N, C-alpha and C. Protein backbone atom coordinates (compact mmCIF):
# COMPACT_ATOMS: atom_id res chain seq x y z
N UNK A 1 71.34 114.97 171.48
CA UNK A 1 70.68 116.20 171.77
C UNK A 1 70.61 117.32 170.57
N UNK A 2 71.86 117.53 170.41
CA UNK A 2 71.81 118.59 169.32
C UNK A 2 72.28 118.18 167.78
N UNK A 3 72.11 118.62 166.75
CA UNK A 3 72.41 118.12 165.77
C UNK A 3 73.83 118.11 165.66
N UNK A 4 74.48 117.35 164.63
CA UNK A 4 75.94 117.19 164.77
C UNK A 4 76.68 118.54 164.23
N UNK A 5 75.93 119.47 163.80
CA UNK A 5 76.40 120.82 163.37
C UNK A 5 76.84 121.66 164.17
N UNK A 6 76.56 121.28 165.58
CA UNK A 6 76.91 122.15 166.77
C UNK A 6 77.58 121.33 167.79
N UNK A 7 78.53 122.00 168.36
CA UNK A 7 79.18 121.44 169.86
C UNK A 7 79.87 122.55 170.46
N UNK A 8 80.24 122.19 171.82
CA UNK A 8 80.84 123.06 172.70
C UNK A 8 82.05 122.53 173.32
N UNK A 9 83.13 123.14 173.40
CA UNK A 9 84.19 122.68 174.32
C UNK A 9 84.69 123.59 175.40
N UNK A 10 84.99 123.35 176.40
CA UNK A 10 85.68 124.31 177.65
C UNK A 10 87.13 124.08 177.89
N UNK A 11 87.83 125.06 177.94
CA UNK A 11 89.19 124.89 178.41
C UNK A 11 89.49 125.90 179.59
N UNK A 12 90.54 125.76 180.00
CA UNK A 12 90.81 126.74 181.20
C UNK A 12 91.23 128.17 180.95
N UNK A 13 91.81 127.96 179.40
CA UNK A 13 92.00 129.64 178.88
C UNK A 13 93.72 129.85 179.57
N UNK A 14 94.16 131.03 179.05
CA UNK A 14 95.57 131.43 179.43
C UNK A 14 95.43 132.60 180.75
N UNK A 15 94.57 133.16 180.96
CA UNK A 15 94.43 134.10 181.86
C UNK A 15 93.33 133.71 183.27
N UNK A 16 93.16 132.47 183.35
CA UNK A 16 92.42 132.09 184.39
C UNK A 16 90.85 132.07 183.94
N UNK A 17 90.20 132.91 182.97
CA UNK A 17 88.84 132.86 182.65
C UNK A 17 88.84 131.48 181.86
N UNK A 18 87.53 130.69 181.90
CA UNK A 18 87.56 129.74 181.08
C UNK A 18 87.01 130.16 179.62
N UNK A 19 87.51 129.08 178.62
CA UNK A 19 86.93 129.53 177.24
C UNK A 19 86.12 128.71 176.83
N UNK A 20 84.89 129.10 176.54
CA UNK A 20 83.94 128.21 175.80
C UNK A 20 83.94 128.41 174.33
N UNK A 21 84.43 127.28 173.69
CA UNK A 21 84.68 127.28 172.30
C UNK A 21 83.47 126.81 171.54
N UNK A 22 83.06 127.45 170.55
CA UNK A 22 81.53 126.81 169.81
C UNK A 22 81.82 126.69 168.39
N UNK A 23 81.53 125.45 168.00
CA UNK A 23 81.59 125.11 166.71
C UNK A 23 80.18 124.79 166.14
N UNK A 24 80.36 124.97 164.77
CA UNK A 24 79.19 124.86 163.90
C UNK A 24 78.15 125.88 163.88
N UNK A 25 77.01 125.54 164.08
CA UNK A 25 75.75 126.49 164.12
C UNK A 25 74.95 126.63 165.58
N UNK A 26 75.04 128.02 165.74
CA UNK A 26 74.29 128.48 167.03
C UNK A 26 73.08 129.03 166.54
N UNK A 27 71.92 128.13 166.92
CA UNK A 27 70.77 128.60 166.70
C UNK A 27 69.71 128.37 167.78
N UNK A 28 68.53 128.38 167.45
CA UNK A 28 67.37 128.15 168.29
C UNK A 28 67.58 126.76 169.17
N UNK A 29 68.15 125.89 168.60
CA UNK A 29 68.22 124.50 168.99
C UNK A 29 69.21 124.84 170.39
N UNK A 30 70.37 125.11 169.94
CA UNK A 30 71.84 125.29 170.73
C UNK A 30 71.70 126.42 171.69
N UNK A 31 70.85 127.45 171.28
CA UNK A 31 71.31 128.86 172.16
C UNK A 31 70.85 128.80 173.63
N UNK A 32 69.78 127.97 174.10
CA UNK A 32 69.70 128.00 175.73
C UNK A 32 71.16 127.17 176.37
N UNK A 33 71.37 126.21 175.81
CA UNK A 33 72.55 125.39 176.36
C UNK A 33 73.78 126.35 176.54
N UNK A 34 74.04 127.15 175.35
CA UNK A 34 75.16 128.00 175.32
C UNK A 34 75.19 129.08 176.40
N UNK A 35 73.92 129.64 176.48
CA UNK A 35 73.72 130.53 177.63
C UNK A 35 74.00 130.06 178.89
N UNK A 36 73.44 129.00 179.28
CA UNK A 36 73.46 128.38 180.73
C UNK A 36 74.96 127.90 180.98
N UNK A 37 75.74 127.38 179.96
CA UNK A 37 76.95 127.00 179.91
C UNK A 37 77.94 128.39 180.19
N UNK A 38 77.80 129.30 179.61
CA UNK A 38 78.63 130.50 179.77
C UNK A 38 78.47 130.91 181.47
N UNK A 39 77.11 131.02 181.84
CA UNK A 39 76.90 131.37 183.20
C UNK A 39 77.46 130.86 183.98
N UNK A 40 77.26 129.28 183.83
CA UNK A 40 77.84 128.44 184.62
C UNK A 40 79.26 128.47 184.92
N UNK A 41 80.10 128.46 183.99
CA UNK A 41 81.57 128.53 184.04
C UNK A 41 82.18 129.84 184.47
N UNK A 42 81.51 130.87 184.46
CA UNK A 42 81.68 132.26 184.59
C UNK A 42 82.35 132.41 186.04
N UNK A 43 83.48 131.98 186.60
CA UNK A 43 83.88 132.16 187.97
C UNK A 43 84.75 133.68 187.99
N UNK A 44 86.01 133.70 187.29
CA UNK A 44 86.51 135.03 187.49
C UNK A 44 86.43 135.67 185.79
N UNK A 45 85.12 135.44 185.29
CA UNK A 45 85.05 135.82 183.94
C UNK A 45 84.94 134.78 183.10
N UNK A 46 84.66 134.74 181.61
CA UNK A 46 84.46 134.02 180.82
C UNK A 46 84.75 134.52 179.38
N UNK A 47 85.30 133.55 178.53
CA UNK A 47 85.23 134.09 177.24
C UNK A 47 84.70 133.07 176.17
N UNK A 48 83.65 133.68 175.33
CA UNK A 48 82.91 132.74 174.29
C UNK A 48 83.92 132.97 173.10
N UNK A 49 84.57 131.75 172.52
CA UNK A 49 85.29 131.87 171.27
C UNK A 49 84.29 131.45 170.13
N UNK A 50 84.09 132.54 169.25
CA UNK A 50 83.37 132.04 167.96
C UNK A 50 84.03 131.64 166.74
N UNK A 51 85.40 131.55 166.89
CA UNK A 51 86.20 131.33 165.78
C UNK A 51 85.86 130.28 164.80
N UNK A 52 85.50 129.38 165.48
CA UNK A 52 84.86 128.04 164.80
C UNK A 52 83.33 128.01 164.40
N UNK A 53 82.57 129.01 164.78
CA UNK A 53 81.29 129.00 164.67
C UNK A 53 80.85 129.57 163.16
N UNK A 54 79.88 128.62 162.38
CA UNK A 54 79.80 128.90 161.16
C UNK A 54 78.72 129.54 160.71
N UNK A 55 77.67 129.72 161.60
CA UNK A 55 76.35 130.18 161.50
C UNK A 55 75.73 130.79 162.92
N UNK A 56 75.09 131.92 162.92
CA UNK A 56 74.52 132.23 164.15
C UNK A 56 73.17 132.78 163.83
N UNK A 57 72.02 132.55 164.25
CA UNK A 57 70.87 133.43 164.20
C UNK A 57 70.53 134.00 165.09
N UNK A 58 69.23 134.68 165.13
CA UNK A 58 68.88 135.96 166.19
C UNK A 58 68.84 135.14 167.58
N UNK A 59 68.41 134.03 167.71
CA UNK A 59 68.18 133.40 169.06
C UNK A 59 69.75 133.23 169.42
N UNK A 60 70.59 132.75 169.00
CA UNK A 60 71.99 132.47 169.17
C UNK A 60 72.44 133.96 169.87
N UNK A 61 72.39 134.78 168.91
CA UNK A 61 72.92 136.32 169.41
C UNK A 61 72.19 136.55 170.45
N UNK A 62 70.86 136.58 170.70
CA UNK A 62 70.28 136.74 171.99
C UNK A 62 70.49 136.22 173.13
N UNK A 63 71.27 134.79 173.07
CA UNK A 63 71.47 133.91 174.10
C UNK A 63 73.00 134.52 174.52
N UNK A 64 73.72 134.84 173.73
CA UNK A 64 75.02 135.43 173.94
C UNK A 64 74.81 136.81 174.68
N UNK A 65 73.87 137.42 174.46
CA UNK A 65 73.51 138.91 174.84
C UNK A 65 73.21 138.55 176.37
N UNK A 66 72.11 137.73 176.52
CA UNK A 66 71.54 137.48 177.89
C UNK A 66 72.71 136.84 178.85
N UNK A 67 73.83 135.96 178.14
CA UNK A 67 74.53 135.43 179.18
C UNK A 67 75.41 136.49 179.68
N UNK A 68 75.74 137.49 178.74
CA UNK A 68 76.78 138.71 178.99
C UNK A 68 76.10 139.42 179.91
N UNK A 69 74.81 139.72 180.01
CA UNK A 69 74.18 140.59 180.91
C UNK A 69 74.14 139.83 182.32
N UNK A 70 73.79 138.55 182.33
CA UNK A 70 73.70 138.16 183.56
C UNK A 70 75.17 137.64 184.24
N UNK A 71 76.08 137.57 183.21
CA UNK A 71 77.74 137.36 183.86
C UNK A 71 78.17 138.82 184.60
N UNK A 72 77.78 139.75 183.86
CA UNK A 72 78.03 141.19 184.38
C UNK A 72 77.45 141.41 185.51
N UNK A 73 76.01 141.04 185.65
CA UNK A 73 75.27 141.38 186.83
C UNK A 73 75.92 140.68 187.95
N UNK A 74 76.67 139.60 187.85
CA UNK A 74 77.44 138.71 188.96
C UNK A 74 78.80 139.48 189.10
N UNK A 75 78.97 140.41 188.47
CA UNK A 75 80.35 141.29 188.79
C UNK A 75 81.68 140.42 187.81
N UNK A 76 81.19 139.93 186.91
CA UNK A 76 82.26 139.38 186.09
C UNK A 76 82.03 139.81 184.60
N UNK A 77 83.21 139.26 183.72
CA UNK A 77 83.15 139.84 182.55
C UNK A 77 83.20 138.55 181.65
N UNK A 78 82.22 138.88 180.41
CA UNK A 78 82.08 138.03 179.31
C UNK A 78 82.74 138.41 178.01
N UNK A 79 83.58 137.96 177.66
CA UNK A 79 84.48 138.43 176.40
C UNK A 79 83.77 137.44 175.18
N UNK A 80 83.50 138.29 174.31
CA UNK A 80 83.08 137.53 172.85
C UNK A 80 84.02 137.69 171.94
N UNK A 81 84.73 136.65 171.56
CA UNK A 81 85.94 136.82 170.66
C UNK A 81 85.86 135.83 169.41
N UNK A 82 86.67 136.33 168.42
CA UNK A 82 86.83 135.51 167.27
C UNK A 82 85.76 135.45 166.19
N UNK A 83 84.66 136.29 166.17
CA UNK A 83 83.76 136.13 165.11
C UNK A 83 84.31 136.57 163.94
N UNK A 84 84.05 135.84 163.06
CA UNK A 84 84.41 136.08 161.43
C UNK A 84 83.53 135.65 160.62
N UNK A 85 83.63 136.19 159.36
CA UNK A 85 82.70 135.93 158.17
C UNK A 85 81.39 136.02 158.53
N UNK A 86 80.41 135.16 158.18
CA UNK A 86 78.89 135.34 158.49
C UNK A 86 78.63 135.80 160.03
N UNK A 87 79.18 134.87 160.71
CA UNK A 87 78.96 135.37 162.19
C UNK A 87 79.29 136.65 162.42
N UNK A 88 80.38 137.39 161.82
CA UNK A 88 80.78 138.77 162.26
C UNK A 88 79.61 139.71 161.43
N UNK A 89 79.15 139.40 160.45
CA UNK A 89 78.34 139.99 159.41
C UNK A 89 76.89 140.23 160.37
N UNK A 90 76.41 138.84 161.06
CA UNK A 90 75.08 139.20 161.93
C UNK A 90 75.14 140.31 162.88
N UNK A 91 76.63 140.15 163.89
CA UNK A 91 76.70 141.05 164.86
C UNK A 91 76.64 142.62 164.06
N UNK A 92 77.35 142.76 162.92
CA UNK A 92 77.37 144.07 162.26
C UNK A 92 76.07 144.69 161.88
N UNK A 93 75.26 143.58 161.32
CA UNK A 93 73.84 143.95 160.80
C UNK A 93 72.94 144.28 161.95
N UNK A 94 73.12 143.73 163.10
CA UNK A 94 72.29 143.92 164.21
C UNK A 94 72.93 145.21 164.99
N UNK A 95 73.78 145.74 164.53
CA UNK A 95 74.44 146.89 165.10
C UNK A 95 75.11 146.56 166.45
N UNK A 96 75.73 145.43 166.45
CA UNK A 96 76.21 144.96 167.82
C UNK A 96 77.55 144.59 167.86
N UNK A 97 78.35 145.14 166.55
CA UNK A 97 79.71 144.66 166.56
C UNK A 97 80.73 145.21 167.81
N UNK A 98 79.96 146.20 168.45
CA UNK A 98 80.83 146.83 169.59
C UNK A 98 80.83 145.90 170.66
N UNK A 99 79.97 144.59 170.74
CA UNK A 99 80.16 143.73 171.69
C UNK A 99 81.26 142.89 171.77
N UNK A 100 81.77 142.86 170.36
CA UNK A 100 82.85 141.79 170.30
C UNK A 100 84.16 142.28 170.79
N UNK A 101 85.00 141.50 171.35
CA UNK A 101 86.20 141.87 172.18
C UNK A 101 87.50 141.65 171.25
N UNK A 102 87.16 141.68 169.87
CA UNK A 102 88.67 141.15 169.24
C UNK A 102 88.86 142.16 168.26
């Protein structure tokens, strides 16, 4: 379904909030799946771990922001952690560094 340059893994996390780890490239091809996964696993909050994300485009950024809004509308919290390198620069260039929780 997705190119080999992207994958997701879910684990339980340490504080009860599931962690969705993203690997590779979050772009138009994978953005909707990430948004739906984050919303679906947000029971008592959720963490999007971008530590291993190598690339994000505007559609990936928008998907994270839409998921954050939907999770917060449901009374939960979506933390976006681990953005570094080119991924962090995209958030900064878009004026959205303040949405990062690390």
